[in-house]
Amino acid sequence: MKTALAKILIPLITVSFLGCTAALIGGGAAGGVATYKYLSGKLIITYQYPYDQVWKATVKAVKDLNFKIEYSAHDALEGKIKCQSATGKKIKIQVKRIQSKITQVSIKVGLFGNLDFSLQIKEKIDSNLKIK
């Protein structure tokens, strides 16, 4: 009885501490790989691409999706974009250089996050990086 109860409770407790998370790995034609997780309403993607390339792909994705850019700034190590969708969704995107060929992008839509909407932005960035 205790073993069966433990098998049920341990995963539930673990999930409650971690929140809603998902992690997937995908490969790209150019040899690049992207991994991502969804945590506390924020989609966090790690690309095996240089920061400059990911920044350009992210800016292009925002423009391709016709988001209204309210703020955009970047330097050699990180950048931030605040924008809005046509329906008024507030979007915050941060791009950070982790290593020479590793870059992290975080996307948060609205106050609490929106996984589906965030994944659509990620797919556009992936497309710009030629990741299938």
C-alpha atoms as a PDB file:
ATOM      1  CA  MET A   1       0.000   0.000   0.000  1.00  0.00           C
ATOM      2  CA  LYS A   2       2.761   2.456   0.930  1.00  0.00           C
ATOM      3  CA  THR A   3       4.671   1.648  -2.273  1.00  0.00           C
ATOM      4  CA  ALA A   4       1.616   2.254  -4.447  1.00  0.00           C
ATOM      5  CA  LEU A   5       0.856   5.498  -2.652  1.00  0.00           C
ATOM      6  CA  ALA A   6       4.467   6.640  -3.023  1.00  0.00           C
ATOM      7  CA  LYS A   7       4.374   5.917  -6.774  1.00  0.00           C
ATOM      8  CA  ILE A   8       1.394   8.250  -7.083  1.00  0.00           C
ATOM      9  CA  LEU A   9       2.383  11.010  -4.664  1.00  0.00           C
ATOM     10  CA  ILE A  10       6.065  11.480  -5.565  1.00  0.00           C
ATOM     11  CA  PRO A  11       5.409  12.506  -9.202  1.00  0.00           C
ATOM     12  CA  LEU A  12       2.530  14.773  -8.116  1.00  0.00           C
ATOM     13  CA  ILE A  13       4.656  16.498  -5.497  1.00  0.00           C
ATOM     14  CA  THR A  14       7.535  16.877  -7.956  1.00  0.00           C
ATOM     15  CA  VAL A  15       5.268  18.461 -10.580  1.00  0.00           C
ATOM     16  CA  SER A  16       3.769  20.830  -8.024  1.00  0.00           C
ATOM     17  CA  PHE A  17       7.232  22.081  -7.045  1.00  0.00           C
ATOM     18  CA  LEU A  18       8.404  22.473 -10.634  1.00  0.00           C
ATOM     19  CA  GLY A  19       5.235  24.013 -12.018  1.00  0.00           C
ATOM     20  CA  CYS A  20       4.169  23.462 -15.595  1.00  0.00           C
ATOM     21  CA  THR A  21       7.247  22.369 -17.505  1.00  0.00           C
ATOM     22  CA  ALA A  22       7.910  20.804 -20.842  1.00  0.00           C
ATOM     23  CA  ALA A  23      11.196  20.078 -22.537  1.00  0.00           C
ATOM     24  CA  LEU A  24      11.762  19.009 -26.119  1.00  0.00           C
ATOM     25  CA  ILE A  25      14.811  18.704 -28.305  1.00  0.00           C
ATOM     26  CA  GLY A  26      14.844  19.333 -32.030  1.00  0.00           C
ATOM     27  CA  GLY A  27      17.566  19.266 -34.646  1.00  0.00           C
ATOM     28  CA  GLY A  28      18.098  21.657 -37.500  1.00  0.00           C
ATOM     29  CA  ALA A  29      19.356  21.345 -41.035  1.00  0.00           C
ATOM     30  CA  ALA A  30      22.276  23.655 -40.308  1.00  0.00           C
ATOM     31  CA  GLY A  31      23.394  21.463 -37.410  1.00  0.00           C
ATOM     32  CA  GLY A  32      21.832  23.765 -34.841  1.00  0.00           C
ATOM     33  CA  VAL A  33      19.839  22.376 -31.989  1.00  0.00           C
ATOM     34  CA  ALA A  34      17.208  24.083 -29.870  1.00  0.00           C
ATOM     35  CA  THR A  35      15.949  22.896 -26.509  1.00  0.00           C
ATOM     36  CA  TYR A  36      13.159  24.521 -24.604  1.00  0.00           C
ATOM     37  CA  LYS A  37      11.148  24.465 -21.408  1.00  0.00           C
ATOM     38  CA  TYR A  38       8.041  26.282 -20.213  1.00  0.00           C
ATOM     39  CA  LEU A  39       8.330  27.472 -16.653  1.00  0.00           C
ATOM     40  CA  SER A  40       6.212  29.976 -14.709  1.00  0.00           C
ATOM     41  CA  GLY A  41       4.531  31.264 -17.862  1.00  0.00           C
ATOM     42  CA  LYS A  42       7.810  31.814 -19.694  1.00  0.00           C
ATOM     43  CA  LEU A  43       9.091  29.817 -22.668  1.00  0.00           C
ATOM     44  CA  ILE A  44      12.880  29.477 -22.380  1.00  0.00           C
ATOM     45  CA  ILE A  45      14.725  28.299 -25.489  1.00  0.00           C
ATOM     46  CA  THR A  46      18.414  27.483 -25.746  1.00  0.00           C
ATOM     47  CA  TYR A  47      19.855  27.673 -29.254  1.00  0.00           C
ATOM     48  CA  GLN A  48      23.225  26.366 -30.351  1.00  0.00           C
ATOM     49  CA  TYR A  49      23.793  29.445 -32.478  1.00  0.00           C
ATOM     50  CA  PRO A  50      25.810  32.638 -31.935  1.00  0.00           C
ATOM     51  CA  TYR A  51      24.027  35.488 -30.161  1.00  0.00           C
ATOM     52  CA  ASP A  52      24.087  37.873 -33.158  1.00  0.00           C
ATOM     53  CA  GLN A  53      22.431  35.311 -35.399  1.00  0.00           C
ATOM     54  CA  VAL A  54      19.703  34.560 -32.844  1.00  0.00           C
ATOM     55  CA  TRP A  55      19.102  38.269 -32.173  1.00  0.00           C
ATOM     56  CA  LYS A  56      18.613  38.960 -35.894  1.00  0.00           C
ATOM     57  CA  ALA A  57      16.298  35.924 -36.250  1.00  0.00           C
ATOM     58  CA  THR A  58      14.253  37.106 -33.252  1.00  0.00           C
ATOM     59  CA  VAL A  59      13.864  40.679 -34.539  1.00  0.00           C
ATOM     60  CA  LYS A  60      12.870  39.317 -37.948  1.00  0.00           C
ATOM     61  CA  ALA A  61      10.316  36.995 -36.314  1.00  0.00           C
ATOM     62  CA  VAL A  62       8.720  39.915 -34.459  1.00  0.00           C
ATOM     63  CA  LYS A  63       8.531  41.927 -37.679  1.00  0.00           C
ATOM     64  CA  ASP A  64       7.277  38.941 -39.727  1.00  0.00           C
ATOM     65  CA  LEU A  65       4.479  38.416 -37.197  1.00  0.00           C
ATOM     66  CA  ASN A  66       3.527  42.109 -37.506  1.00  0.00           C
ATOM     67  CA  PHE A  67       3.909  42.828 -33.804  1.00  0.00           C
ATOM     68  CA  LYS A  68       4.103  46.469 -32.791  1.00  0.00           C
ATOM     69  CA  ILE A  69       7.537  47.037 -31.246  1.00  0.00           C
ATOM     70  CA  GLU A  70       7.291  49.253 -28.170  1.00  0.00           C
ATOM     71  CA  TYR A  71      10.909  48.838 -27.028  1.00  0.00           C
ATOM     72  CA  SER A  72      13.975  47.178 -28.480  1.00  0.00           C
ATOM     73  CA  ALA A  73      17.573  47.384 -27.294  1.00  0.00           C
ATOM     74  CA  HIS A  74      20.589  45.120 -27.402  1.00  0.00           C
ATOM     75  CA  ASP A  75      24.318  45.100 -26.848  1.00  0.00           C
ATOM     76  CA  ALA A  76      26.992  42.440 -27.357  1.00  0.00           C
ATOM     77  CA  LEU A  77      25.647  40.219 -24.554  1.00  0.00           C
ATOM     78  CA  GLU A  78      21.882  40.605 -24.326  1.00  0.00           C
ATOM     79  CA  GLY A  79      18.851  42.219 -25.825  1.00  0.00           C
ATOM     80  CA  LYS A  80      15.222  42.903 -24.954  1.00  0.00           C
ATOM     81  CA  ILE A  81      12.132  43.437 -27.045  1.00  0.00           C
ATOM     82  CA  LYS A  82       8.759  44.543 -25.728  1.00  0.00           C
ATOM     83  CA  CYS A  83       6.023  44.305 -28.309  1.00  0.00           C
ATOM     84  CA  GLN A  84       2.296  43.844 -28.750  1.00  0.00           C
ATOM     85  CA  SER A  85       0.204  41.618 -30.992  1.00  0.00           C
ATOM     86  CA  ALA A  86      -2.647  42.966 -33.122  1.00  0.00           C
ATOM     87  CA  THR A  87      -5.094  41.734 -30.474  1.00  0.00           C
ATOM     88  CA  GLY A  88      -3.264  43.557 -27.681  1.00  0.00           C
ATOM     89  CA  LYS A  89      -1.251  40.716 -26.160  1.00  0.00           C
ATOM     90  CA  LYS A  90       1.858  42.126 -24.431  1.00  0.00           C
ATOM     91  CA  ILE A  91       5.000  40.168 -25.312  1.00  0.00           C
ATOM     92  CA  LYS A  92       8.422  40.332 -23.673  1.00  0.00           C
ATOM     93  CA  ILE A  93      11.380  38.666 -25.366  1.00  0.00           C
ATOM     94  CA  GLN A  94      14.886  38.506 -23.946  1.00  0.00           C
ATOM     95  CA  VAL A  95      17.913  37.182 -25.840  1.00  0.00           C
ATOM     96  CA  LYS A  96      21.104  36.374 -23.895  1.00  0.00           C
ATOM     97  CA  ARG A  97      24.539  35.237 -24.984  1.00  0.00           C
ATOM     98  CA  ILE A  98      25.519  32.239 -22.853  1.00  0.00           C
ATOM     99  CA  GLN A  99      28.662  31.152 -24.728  1.00  0.00           C
ATOM    100  CA  SER A 100      30.090  31.867 -28.168  1.00  0.00           C
ATOM    101  CA  LYS A 101      27.626  29.492 -29.864  1.00  0.00           C
ATOM    102  CA  ILE A 102      24.945  29.151 -27.199  1.00  0.00           C
ATOM    103  CA  THR A 103      22.151  31.701 -26.880  1.00  0.00           C
ATOM    104  CA  GLN A 104      19.068  31.713 -24.670  1.00  0.00           C
ATOM    105  CA  VAL A 105      15.754  33.281 -25.645  1.00  0.00           C
ATOM    106  CA  SER A 106      12.901  33.760 -23.184  1.00  0.00           C
ATOM    107  CA  ILE A 107       9.389  34.643 -24.307  1.00  0.00           C
ATOM    108  CA  LYS A 108       6.545  35.688 -22.029  1.00  0.00           C
ATOM    109  CA  VAL A 109       3.120  36.565 -23.368  1.00  0.00           C
ATOM    110  CA  GLY A 110       0.838  38.534 -21.094  1.00  0.00           C
ATOM    111  CA  LEU A 111       0.950  38.510 -17.329  1.00  0.00           C
ATOM    112  CA  PHE A 112       0.629  34.753 -16.841  1.00  0.00           C
ATOM    113  CA  GLY A 113       2.120  33.445 -20.083  1.00  0.00           C
ATOM    114  CA  ASN A 114       0.597  31.678 -23.070  1.00  0.00           C
ATOM    115  CA  LEU A 115       2.394  28.515 -24.206  1.00  0.00           C
ATOM    116  CA  ASP A 116       0.688  28.187 -27.598  1.00  0.00           C
ATOM    117  CA  PHE A 117       1.336  31.811 -28.540  1.00  0.00           C
ATOM    118  CA  SER A 118       4.938  31.595 -27.300  1.00  0.00           C
ATOM    119  CA  LEU A 119       5.528  28.439 -29.360  1.00  0.00           C
ATOM    120  CA  GLN A 120       4.329  30.240 -32.487  1.00  0.00           C
ATOM    121  CA  ILE A 121       6.961  32.926 -31.911  1.00  0.00           C
ATOM    122  CA  LYS A 122       9.578  30.225 -31.290  1.00  0.00           C
ATOM    123  CA  GLU A 123       8.614  28.487 -34.542  1.00  0.00           C
ATOM    124  CA  LYS A 124       9.144  31.750 -36.448  1.00  0.00           C
ATOM    125  CA  ILE A 125      12.577  32.226 -34.834  1.00  0.00           C
ATOM    126  CA  ASP A 126      13.405  28.584 -35.666  1.00  0.00           C
ATOM    127  CA  SER A 127      12.344  29.158 -39.264  1.00  0.00           C
ATOM    128  CA  ASN A 128      14.592  32.208 -39.499  1.00  0.00           C
ATOM    129  CA  LEU A 129      17.480  30.101 -38.152  1.00  0.00           C
ATOM    130  CA  LYS A 130      16.626  27.332 -40.641  1.00  0.00           C
ATOM    131  CA  ILE A 131      15.774  24.845 -37.868  1.00  0.00           C
ATOM    132  CA  LYS A 132      13.265  22.224 -38.976  1.00  0.00           C
END
